[in-house]
């Protein structure tokens, strides 16, 4: 005689998860636990997927908020890598006193806003007319420097630069090798120069020509410049001009010579070169 299994196998007692069928009463403790487990599993998968999908957006927001996005992009172009998180982990951002070249430790660098500081009389200085070749009139007393490390030593020194072009203020970052003289890369990230002419100042092909050039002559004088005509690859201090953008090119030359002069980053770079070869101490 066949036993009656109708109560055990009735639809009300069957719970299906994927390809698996569980014979559990729906009003039982086991059924409640099973449903809770399944819901938790689904929620975990959804949360994990959301984190993965949103990670690039979160990282982008972090870079914008910290002011590192343009620095990261410059280092990416030099290192030929797209590992943003690794690059960010190897950057130490510091604040320096431009007059002395010393690090500033009593101001939170993450809260320092260079453009606002440049217009604040208590945080800025007027540039003497004979030194103001970048035509910016005044600058902040302090500046941020981004030190990119490798094996606990400085590999690149990334510095902010800006100055007047033909129609606008050019804002950029320049990366120097550890010697404080050899250019590893240049990025112009903001300007309003003439479309199709001066706006080529942010063209990657032209910016690539700066790599390997030198800022200073042997006597410490800033010598980097943009010149008309074809520049030989072995020329240390000169870069090809942008066709038809003479004034924009002159602006780039002048802003670099100002920022690498004694009123700019030169005091800091001198101190850094004196420590060349030492282990980098965070």
Protein backbone atom coordinates (compact mmCIF):
# COMPACT_ATOMS: atom_id res chain seq x y z
CA UNK A 1 0.00 0.00 0.00
CA UNK A 2 1.37 3.32 -0.98
CA UNK A 3 2.02 5.82 1.80
CA UNK A 4 0.37 9.21 1.57
CA UNK A 5 3.07 11.85 0.77
CA UNK A 6 0.64 14.47 -0.39
CA UNK A 7 1.18 16.65 2.66
CA UNK A 8 4.98 16.46 2.29
CA UNK A 9 5.06 17.24 -1.42
CA UNK A 10 2.19 19.68 -1.75
CA UNK A 11 2.96 22.96 -3.56
CA UNK A 12 2.67 24.84 -0.31
CA UNK A 13 5.58 22.86 1.09
CA UNK A 14 7.95 23.33 -1.87
CA UNK A 15 10.52 26.14 -2.03
CA UNK A 16 12.69 26.47 -5.14
CA UNK A 17 16.10 28.23 -5.15
CA UNK A 18 17.72 28.15 -8.57
CA UNK A 19 17.66 24.54 -9.73
CA UNK A 20 17.23 23.20 -6.20
CA UNK A 21 13.85 22.20 -4.72
CA UNK A 22 13.46 22.22 -0.94
CA UNK A 23 10.58 20.42 0.79
CA UNK A 24 9.97 22.88 3.65
CA UNK A 25 6.71 23.99 5.18
CA UNK A 26 6.23 27.69 4.47
CA UNK A 27 5.12 28.38 8.01
CA UNK A 28 8.13 26.61 9.52
CA UNK A 29 11.26 28.12 11.10
CA UNK A 30 13.40 26.43 8.46
CA UNK A 31 11.46 28.14 5.70
CA UNK A 32 11.87 31.54 7.36
CA UNK A 33 15.61 31.03 7.71
CA UNK A 34 15.90 29.89 4.10
CA UNK A 35 14.04 32.94 2.77
CA UNK A 36 16.15 35.27 4.92
CA UNK A 37 19.30 33.63 3.61
CA UNK A 38 18.19 33.98 -0.02
CA UNK A 39 17.21 37.65 0.45
CA UNK A 40 20.54 38.37 2.16
CA UNK A 41 22.43 36.65 -0.64
CA UNK A 42 20.63 38.67 -3.31
CA UNK A 43 21.20 41.93 -1.41
CA UNK A 44 24.91 41.12 -1.02
CA UNK A 45 25.26 40.53 -4.74
CA UNK A 46 23.45 43.79 -5.54
CA UNK A 47 25.56 45.79 -3.09
CA UNK A 48 28.83 44.27 -4.38
CA UNK A 49 27.83 44.96 -7.97
CA UNK A 50 26.90 48.55 -7.13
CA UNK A 51 30.26 49.13 -5.42
CA UNK A 52 32.14 47.83 -8.45
CA UNK A 53 30.07 49.84 -10.92
CA UNK A 54 30.22 53.05 -8.87
CA UNK A 55 33.92 52.82 -7.97
CA UNK A 56 35.13 54.79 -11.03
CA UNK A 57 32.63 57.58 -10.29
CA UNK A 58 33.61 57.66 -6.61
CA UNK A 59 37.29 57.79 -7.50
CA UNK A 60 36.69 60.59 -10.01
CA UNK A 61 34.83 62.60 -7.35
CA UNK A 62 37.68 62.00 -4.93
CA UNK A 63 40.23 63.27 -7.44
CA UNK A 64 38.16 66.38 -8.20
CA UNK A 65 37.65 67.14 -4.52
CA UNK A 66 41.32 66.66 -3.67
CA UNK A 67 42.54 68.59 -6.72
CA UNK A 68 44.58 65.62 -7.91
CA UNK A 69 42.80 64.83 -11.17
CA UNK A 70 45.15 66.86 -13.41
CA UNK A 71 48.21 65.66 -11.51
CA UNK A 72 47.09 62.05 -11.97
CA UNK A 73 46.47 62.58 -15.69
CA UNK A 74 49.95 64.07 -16.12
CA UNK A 75 51.63 61.16 -14.34
CA UNK A 76 49.50 58.69 -16.32
CA UNK A 77 50.82 60.22 -19.56
CA UNK A 78 54.41 59.86 -18.34
CA UNK A 79 54.19 56.42 -16.78
CA UNK A 80 51.92 55.03 -19.54
CA UNK A 81 49.63 53.45 -16.97
CA UNK A 82 45.98 53.75 -16.12
CA UNK A 83 46.14 52.48 -12.54
CA UNK A 84 44.78 55.63 -10.91
CA UNK A 85 44.56 54.21 -7.39
CA UNK A 86 48.20 53.07 -7.44
CA UNK A 87 49.37 56.47 -8.69
CA UNK A 88 47.32 58.27 -6.06
CA UNK A 89 48.80 56.08 -3.32
CA UNK A 90 52.31 57.10 -4.40
CA UNK A 91 51.69 60.85 -4.30
CA UNK A 92 52.56 62.96 -1.28
CA UNK A 93 51.10 66.46 -1.49
CA UNK A 94 52.83 69.12 0.54
CA UNK A 95 52.64 72.85 1.03
CA UNK A 96 55.74 75.03 0.70
CA UNK A 97 56.62 78.61 1.51
CA UNK A 98 57.78 79.97 -1.85
CA UNK A 99 60.04 82.60 -0.27
CA UNK A 100 62.07 80.14 1.80
CA UNK A 101 61.50 76.84 0.00
CA UNK A 102 60.61 75.22 3.32
CA UNK A 103 57.65 72.94 3.96
CA UNK A 104 54.69 74.50 5.75
CA UNK A 105 53.36 72.28 8.52
CA UNK A 106 50.85 74.53 10.32
CA UNK A 107 48.38 74.72 7.39
CA UNK A 108 46.27 71.80 6.20
CA UNK A 109 47.30 71.32 2.57
CA UNK A 110 43.96 69.65 1.77
CA UNK A 111 42.17 72.88 2.70
CA UNK A 112 44.52 75.23 0.84
CA UNK A 113 42.97 76.86 -2.23
CA UNK A 114 45.69 78.55 -4.34
CA UNK A 115 43.43 80.82 -6.42
CA UNK A 116 41.60 82.13 -3.39
CA UNK A 117 44.88 82.60 -1.53
CA UNK A 118 46.33 84.61 -4.44
CA UNK A 119 43.61 87.25 -4.01
CA UNK A 120 43.79 87.31 -0.21
CA UNK A 121 46.20 90.05 0.98
CA UNK A 122 47.06 88.07 4.11
CA UNK A 123 48.02 84.98 2.09
CA UNK A 124 49.59 86.56 -0.98
CA UNK A 125 52.29 88.95 -2.13
CA UNK A 126 52.47 91.53 -4.90
CA UNK A 127 54.98 90.52 -7.57
CA UNK A 128 57.49 93.31 -8.31
CA UNK A 129 56.86 94.64 -11.86
CA UNK A 130 60.36 93.77 -13.04
CA UNK A 131 59.80 90.13 -12.01
CA UNK A 132 56.21 89.77 -13.18
CA UNK A 133 56.98 88.37 -16.63
CA UNK A 134 54.05 85.96 -16.27
CA UNK A 135 51.76 89.00 -15.83
CA UNK A 136 49.83 87.66 -12.84
CA UNK A 137 50.41 90.71 -10.56
CA UNK A 138 50.30 88.78 -7.30
CA UNK A 139 50.66 85.19 -6.14
CA UNK A 140 49.95 83.15 -3.03
CA UNK A 141 52.73 82.99 -0.46
CA UNK A 142 52.43 79.21 -0.47
CA UNK A 143 52.17 76.57 -3.18
CA UNK A 144 51.38 72.87 -3.35
CA UNK A 145 53.95 70.36 -4.53
CA UNK A 146 53.13 66.76 -5.40
CA UNK A 147 55.95 64.28 -4.85
CA UNK A 148 55.54 61.04 -6.78
CA UNK A 149 57.50 58.25 -5.11
CA UNK A 150 59.14 55.03 -6.21
CA UNK A 151 60.79 52.70 -3.69
CA UNK A 152 60.53 55.41 -1.04
CA UNK A 153 62.42 57.94 -3.18
CA UNK A 154 61.19 60.90 -5.16
CA UNK A 155 60.72 60.08 -8.83
CA UNK A 156 58.82 63.16 -10.03
CA UNK A 157 58.21 66.61 -8.59
CA UNK A 158 54.89 67.91 -9.90
CA UNK A 159 54.44 71.68 -9.62
CA UNK A 160 51.54 74.01 -10.48
CA UNK A 161 52.26 76.85 -12.91
CA UNK A 162 50.16 79.60 -14.46
CA UNK A 163 50.44 82.88 -16.33
CA UNK A 164 48.98 85.01 -19.08
CA UNK A 165 48.65 83.76 -22.65
CA UNK A 166 47.19 85.68 -25.59
CA UNK A 167 43.61 85.95 -24.31
CA UNK A 168 43.51 84.07 -21.05
CA UNK A 169 45.35 82.76 -18.04
CA UNK A 170 47.01 79.42 -18.74
CA UNK A 171 46.92 76.91 -15.89
CA UNK A 172 49.08 73.82 -15.89
CA UNK A 173 51.26 71.32 -14.09
CA UNK A 174 54.84 70.45 -14.89
CA UNK A 175 56.57 67.28 -13.72
CA UNK A 176 60.31 67.31 -13.14
CA UNK A 177 62.54 64.33 -12.58
CA UNK A 178 64.24 63.97 -9.20
CA UNK A 179 67.11 66.23 -10.30
CA UNK A 180 64.71 69.20 -10.20
CA UNK A 181 65.76 70.23 -13.70
CA UNK A 182 64.77 67.65 -16.34
CA UNK A 183 61.18 67.92 -17.58
CA UNK A 184 59.28 64.63 -17.41
CA UNK A 185 55.99 66.07 -18.67
CA UNK A 186 53.82 69.16 -19.02
CA UNK A 187 50.04 69.54 -18.93
CA UNK A 188 48.02 72.69 -19.67
CA UNK A 189 44.57 71.93 -18.28
CA UNK A 190 42.76 75.28 -18.44
CA UNK A 191 42.82 78.21 -20.86
CA UNK A 192 40.66 80.20 -23.28
CA UNK A 193 43.07 80.70 -26.17
CA UNK A 194 42.07 81.13 -29.85
CA UNK A 195 40.25 78.02 -31.14
CA UNK A 196 42.26 76.16 -33.74
CA UNK A 197 45.43 78.17 -33.03
CA UNK A 198 46.39 78.98 -29.46
CA UNK A 199 44.23 76.22 -28.06
CA UNK A 200 46.78 73.74 -29.41
CA UNK A 201 48.69 74.54 -26.23
CA UNK A 202 46.96 71.52 -24.68
CA UNK A 203 47.68 69.21 -27.64
CA UNK A 204 49.31 65.99 -26.36
CA UNK A 205 51.62 65.77 -29.40
CA UNK A 206 53.06 69.23 -28.70
CA UNK A 207 53.23 68.68 -24.95
CA UNK A 208 55.17 65.47 -25.61
CA UNK A 209 58.01 67.57 -27.06
CA UNK A 210 58.80 68.94 -23.61
CA UNK A 211 59.91 65.62 -22.21
CA UNK A 212 63.65 65.53 -21.56
CA UNK A 213 64.18 69.29 -21.88
CA UNK A 214 65.99 71.18 -19.11
CA UNK A 215 64.78 74.17 -17.14
CA UNK A 216 68.08 75.58 -15.88
CA UNK A 217 71.44 76.37 -17.38
CA UNK A 218 74.53 75.39 -15.39
CA UNK A 219 74.56 78.78 -13.63
CA UNK A 220 71.01 78.24 -12.35
CA UNK A 221 69.33 80.63 -14.78
CA UNK A 222 65.96 79.44 -16.17
CA UNK A 223 66.58 78.94 -19.90
CA UNK A 224 63.60 76.93 -21.13
CA UNK A 225 61.82 78.63 -24.03
CA UNK A 226 59.59 78.20 -27.06
CA UNK A 227 61.17 79.22 -30.36
CA UNK A 228 60.01 79.47 -33.97
CA UNK A 229 61.31 76.94 -36.45
CA UNK A 230 62.32 73.34 -36.14
CA UNK A 231 64.16 72.56 -32.93
CA UNK A 232 66.73 69.77 -32.97
CA UNK A 233 65.85 66.89 -30.67
CA UNK A 234 69.15 67.21 -28.81
CA UNK A 235 68.55 70.88 -27.94
CA UNK A 236 68.25 71.04 -24.17
CA UNK A 237 66.31 74.23 -23.53
CA UNK A 238 64.13 74.87 -26.59
CA UNK A 239 60.74 73.60 -27.78
CA UNK A 240 59.02 74.12 -31.16
CA UNK A 241 56.54 76.99 -31.26
CA UNK A 242 52.88 76.46 -32.07
CA UNK A 243 52.17 77.57 -35.63
CA UNK A 244 50.33 80.89 -35.62
CA UNK A 245 50.23 81.12 -31.83
CA UNK A 246 53.23 83.36 -31.13
CA UNK A 247 51.70 85.18 -28.16
CA UNK A 248 50.45 82.01 -26.55
CA UNK A 249 53.90 80.46 -26.91
CA UNK A 250 55.56 83.54 -25.44
CA UNK A 251 53.15 83.27 -22.52
CA UNK A 252 54.19 79.68 -21.83
CA UNK A 253 57.87 80.65 -21.94
CA UNK A 254 57.35 83.57 -19.56
CA UNK A 255 55.21 81.72 -17.06
CA UNK A 256 57.74 78.89 -16.83
CA UNK A 257 60.65 81.27 -16.44
CA UNK A 258 58.81 83.13 -13.70
CA UNK A 259 57.80 80.05 -11.73
CA UNK A 260 61.28 78.57 -11.95
CA UNK A 261 62.95 81.82 -11.00
CA UNK A 262 63.92 82.97 -7.52
CA UNK A 263 60.44 84.39 -6.91
CA UNK A 264 58.90 81.01 -7.73
CA UNK A 265 60.02 77.44 -7.06
CA UNK A 266 63.78 77.91 -7.34
CA UNK A 267 64.43 78.20 -3.56
CA UNK A 268 62.52 74.96 -2.97
CA UNK A 269 64.22 73.08 -5.80
CA UNK A 270 67.66 74.15 -4.58
CA UNK A 271 66.94 72.71 -1.16
CA UNK A 272 65.59 69.53 -2.71
CA UNK A 273 68.66 69.08 -4.93
CA UNK A 274 70.93 69.41 -1.91
CA UNK A 275 69.22 66.29 -0.52
CA UNK A 276 69.45 64.34 -3.79
CA UNK A 277 70.08 60.66 -3.20
CA UNK A 278 68.70 60.64 0.32
CA UNK A 279 65.88 58.27 1.20
CA UNK A 280 62.60 60.10 0.97
CA UNK A 281 61.15 60.78 4.41
CA UNK A 282 57.40 61.28 4.44
